Amino acid sequence: MLAIAVVLAPLTGCGGPAVTGEELFDQAREVNFAYKAAVADVQLQLFEGEWTLEGYGDRSRSVWG
């Protein structure tokens, strides 16, 4: 969770000068990847075993529980 807070801190407006354009897009992409990695790590710890998805946007359900 600390990693997410550190990654999201630049988006709060606190700190250095505002960035725009391509630099802002690159920062958003990095934050997005970091957030997705953290969520995936939590999901792997919560849902052990095989997962099944029945359709786009469906929640993952562990086959074992």
N, C-alpha and C. Protein backbone atom coordinates (compact mmCIF):
# COMPACT_ATOMS: atom_id res chain seq x y z
N MET A 1 0.82 -1.18 0.00
CA MET A 1 0.00 0.00 0.00
C MET A 1 0.86 1.25 0.00
N LEU A 2 2.01 1.19 0.66
CA LEU A 2 2.90 2.34 0.67
C LEU A 2 3.37 2.65 -0.74
N ALA A 3 3.63 1.61 -1.52
CA ALA A 3 4.07 1.82 -2.89
C ALA A 3 3.01 2.56 -3.70
N ILE A 4 1.76 2.20 -3.49
CA ILE A 4 0.67 2.88 -4.20
C ILE A 4 0.61 4.34 -3.79
N ALA A 5 0.75 4.61 -2.49
CA ALA A 5 0.71 5.99 -2.01
C ALA A 5 1.85 6.81 -2.61
N VAL A 6 3.02 6.22 -2.70
CA VAL A 6 4.17 6.93 -3.26
C VAL A 6 3.96 7.22 -4.74
N VAL A 7 3.38 6.25 -5.45
CA VAL A 7 3.14 6.43 -6.87
C VAL A 7 2.04 7.45 -7.12
N LEU A 8 1.01 7.46 -6.27
CA LEU A 8 -0.11 8.37 -6.47
C LEU A 8 0.16 9.78 -5.98
N ALA A 9 1.16 9.98 -5.14
CA ALA A 9 1.45 11.30 -4.57
C ALA A 9 1.61 12.39 -5.62
N PRO A 10 2.30 12.14 -6.74
CA PRO A 10 2.43 13.20 -7.74
C PRO A 10 1.10 13.64 -8.35
N LEU A 11 0.10 12.79 -8.29
CA LEU A 11 -1.19 13.13 -8.88
C LEU A 11 -2.03 14.03 -8.00
N THR A 12 -1.62 14.24 -6.77
CA THR A 12 -2.41 15.05 -5.84
C THR A 12 -2.21 16.54 -6.05
N GLY A 13 -1.22 16.92 -6.83
CA GLY A 13 -0.96 18.33 -7.05
C GLY A 13 0.07 18.90 -6.09
N CYS A 14 0.51 18.10 -5.15
CA CYS A 14 1.53 18.55 -4.20
C CYS A 14 2.90 18.33 -4.82
N GLY A 15 3.78 19.25 -4.65
CA GLY A 15 5.13 19.04 -5.13
C GLY A 15 5.54 20.05 -6.17
N GLY A 16 6.28 19.59 -7.16
CA GLY A 16 6.91 20.44 -8.16
C GLY A 16 5.93 21.05 -9.15
N PRO A 17 6.48 21.61 -10.21
CA PRO A 17 5.65 22.27 -11.22
C PRO A 17 4.75 21.27 -11.94
N ALA A 18 3.64 21.77 -12.43
CA ALA A 18 2.67 20.92 -13.13
C ALA A 18 3.26 20.44 -14.45
N VAL A 19 2.94 19.22 -14.80
CA VAL A 19 3.39 18.65 -16.07
C VAL A 19 2.20 18.57 -17.02
N THR A 20 2.48 18.57 -18.29
CA THR A 20 1.42 18.52 -19.29
C THR A 20 1.82 17.61 -20.43
N GLY A 21 0.88 17.32 -21.28
CA GLY A 21 1.14 16.60 -22.52
C GLY A 21 1.67 15.20 -22.34
N GLU A 22 2.69 14.90 -23.11
CA GLU A 22 3.26 13.55 -23.16
C GLU A 22 3.81 13.11 -21.81
N GLU A 23 4.42 14.03 -21.09
CA GLU A 23 4.98 13.69 -19.77
C GLU A 23 3.87 13.28 -18.80
N LEU A 24 2.76 13.99 -18.85
CA LEU A 24 1.62 13.67 -17.99
C LEU A 24 1.05 12.30 -18.36
N PHE A 25 0.95 12.02 -19.65
CA PHE A 25 0.47 10.72 -20.11
C PHE A 25 1.39 9.61 -19.62
N ASP A 26 2.70 9.81 -19.72
CA ASP A 26 3.66 8.80 -19.27
C ASP A 26 3.54 8.55 -17.77
N GLN A 27 3.35 9.62 -17.00
CA GLN A 27 3.18 9.46 -15.55
C GLN A 27 1.91 8.69 -15.24
N ALA A 28 0.83 9.00 -15.94
CA ALA A 28 -0.43 8.30 -15.71
C ALA A 28 -0.30 6.83 -16.06
N ARG A 29 0.42 6.53 -17.12
CA ARG A 29 0.63 5.14 -17.53
C ARG A 29 1.41 4.38 -16.45
N GLU A 30 2.45 5.01 -15.90
CA GLU A 30 3.24 4.38 -14.84
C GLU A 30 2.38 4.12 -13.60
N VAL A 31 1.56 5.09 -13.22
CA VAL A 31 0.68 4.92 -12.06
C VAL A 31 -0.30 3.79 -12.32
N ASN A 32 -0.86 3.74 -13.52
CA ASN A 32 -1.82 2.70 -13.88
C ASN A 32 -1.18 1.31 -13.77
N PHE A 33 0.01 1.15 -14.32
CA PHE A 33 0.69 -0.14 -14.26
C PHE A 33 1.02 -0.53 -12.82
N ALA A 34 1.47 0.43 -12.02
CA ALA A 34 1.79 0.14 -10.62
C ALA A 34 0.54 -0.28 -9.86
N TYR A 35 -0.56 0.41 -10.10
CA TYR A 35 -1.82 0.07 -9.43
C TYR A 35 -2.29 -1.32 -9.84
N LYS A 36 -2.25 -1.61 -11.14
CA LYS A 36 -2.68 -2.93 -11.62
C LYS A 36 -1.81 -4.04 -11.05
N ALA A 37 -0.51 -3.79 -10.94
CA ALA A 37 0.39 -4.80 -10.37
C ALA A 37 0.05 -5.06 -8.91
N ALA A 38 -0.23 -4.01 -8.16
CA ALA A 38 -0.58 -4.17 -6.75
C ALA A 38 -1.90 -4.92 -6.60
N VAL A 39 -2.89 -4.60 -7.42
CA VAL A 39 -4.19 -5.28 -7.36
C VAL A 39 -4.01 -6.75 -7.74
N ALA A 40 -3.24 -7.03 -8.78
CA ALA A 40 -3.02 -8.41 -9.19
C ALA A 40 -2.33 -9.21 -8.09
N ASP A 41 -1.39 -8.60 -7.39
CA ASP A 41 -0.70 -9.28 -6.29
C ASP A 41 -1.68 -9.64 -5.18
N VAL A 42 -2.55 -8.72 -4.83
CA VAL A 42 -3.56 -8.98 -3.80
C VAL A 42 -4.50 -10.10 -4.25
N GLN A 43 -4.94 -10.04 -5.51
CA GLN A 43 -5.84 -11.07 -6.02
C GLN A 43 -5.19 -12.44 -5.99
N LEU A 44 -3.92 -12.51 -6.33
CA LEU A 44 -3.23 -13.80 -6.30
C LEU A 44 -3.16 -14.36 -4.89
N GLN A 45 -3.06 -13.49 -3.90
CA GLN A 45 -3.01 -13.95 -2.51
C GLN A 45 -4.39 -14.35 -2.00
N LEU A 46 -5.44 -13.71 -2.49
CA LEU A 46 -6.79 -13.99 -2.02
C LEU A 46 -7.43 -15.19 -2.70
N PHE A 47 -7.19 -15.34 -3.99
CA PHE A 47 -7.84 -16.38 -4.77
C PHE A 47 -6.82 -17.40 -5.24
N GLU A 48 -6.63 -18.44 -4.45
CA GLU A 48 -5.69 -19.48 -4.83
C GLU A 48 -6.38 -20.47 -5.76
N GLY A 49 -5.62 -21.15 -6.57
CA GLY A 49 -6.18 -22.14 -7.47
C GLY A 49 -6.50 -21.56 -8.83
N GLU A 50 -7.25 -22.32 -9.62
CA GLU A 50 -7.60 -21.89 -10.97
C GLU A 50 -8.74 -20.88 -10.93
N TRP A 51 -8.75 -19.99 -11.90
CA TRP A 51 -9.80 -18.99 -12.01
C TRP A 51 -10.61 -19.26 -13.27
N THR A 52 -11.87 -18.90 -13.22
CA THR A 52 -12.70 -19.00 -14.42
C THR A 52 -13.41 -17.67 -14.64
N LEU A 53 -13.48 -17.27 -15.89
CA LEU A 53 -14.23 -16.08 -16.27
C LEU A 53 -15.23 -16.51 -17.33
N GLU A 54 -16.47 -16.11 -17.14
CA GLU A 54 -17.50 -16.53 -18.08
C GLU A 54 -17.80 -15.48 -19.13
N GLY A 55 -17.35 -14.25 -18.93
CA GLY A 55 -17.60 -13.22 -19.92
C GLY A 55 -16.81 -11.97 -19.62
N TYR A 56 -16.76 -11.07 -20.58
CA TYR A 56 -16.01 -9.83 -20.43
C TYR A 56 -16.56 -9.03 -19.25
N GLY A 57 -15.68 -8.58 -18.38
CA GLY A 57 -16.08 -7.78 -17.23
C GLY A 57 -16.57 -8.60 -16.05
N ASP A 58 -16.59 -9.92 -16.19
CA ASP A 58 -17.05 -10.79 -15.12
C ASP A 58 -16.03 -10.81 -13.99
N ARG A 59 -16.52 -11.02 -12.79
CA ARG A 59 -15.62 -11.17 -11.65
C ARG A 59 -14.95 -12.53 -11.72
N SER A 60 -13.71 -12.59 -11.27
CA SER A 60 -13.03 -13.88 -11.24
C SER A 60 -13.53 -14.67 -10.04
N ARG A 61 -13.68 -15.95 -10.25
CA ARG A 61 -14.11 -16.84 -9.17
C ARG A 61 -13.15 -18.02 -9.11
N SER A 62 -12.68 -18.31 -7.94
CA SER A 62 -11.78 -19.44 -7.77
C SER A 62 -12.58 -20.72 -7.96
N VAL A 63 -11.99 -21.66 -8.66
CA VAL A 63 -12.64 -22.95 -8.87
C VAL A 63 -12.78 -23.68 -7.54
N TRP A 64 -11.87 -23.41 -6.61
CA TRP A 64 -11.84 -24.13 -5.34
C TRP A 64 -12.68 -23.47 -4.25
N GLY A 65 -13.29 -22.34 -4.49
CA GLY A 65 -14.04 -21.73 -3.40
C GLY A 65 -14.88 -20.70 -3.86
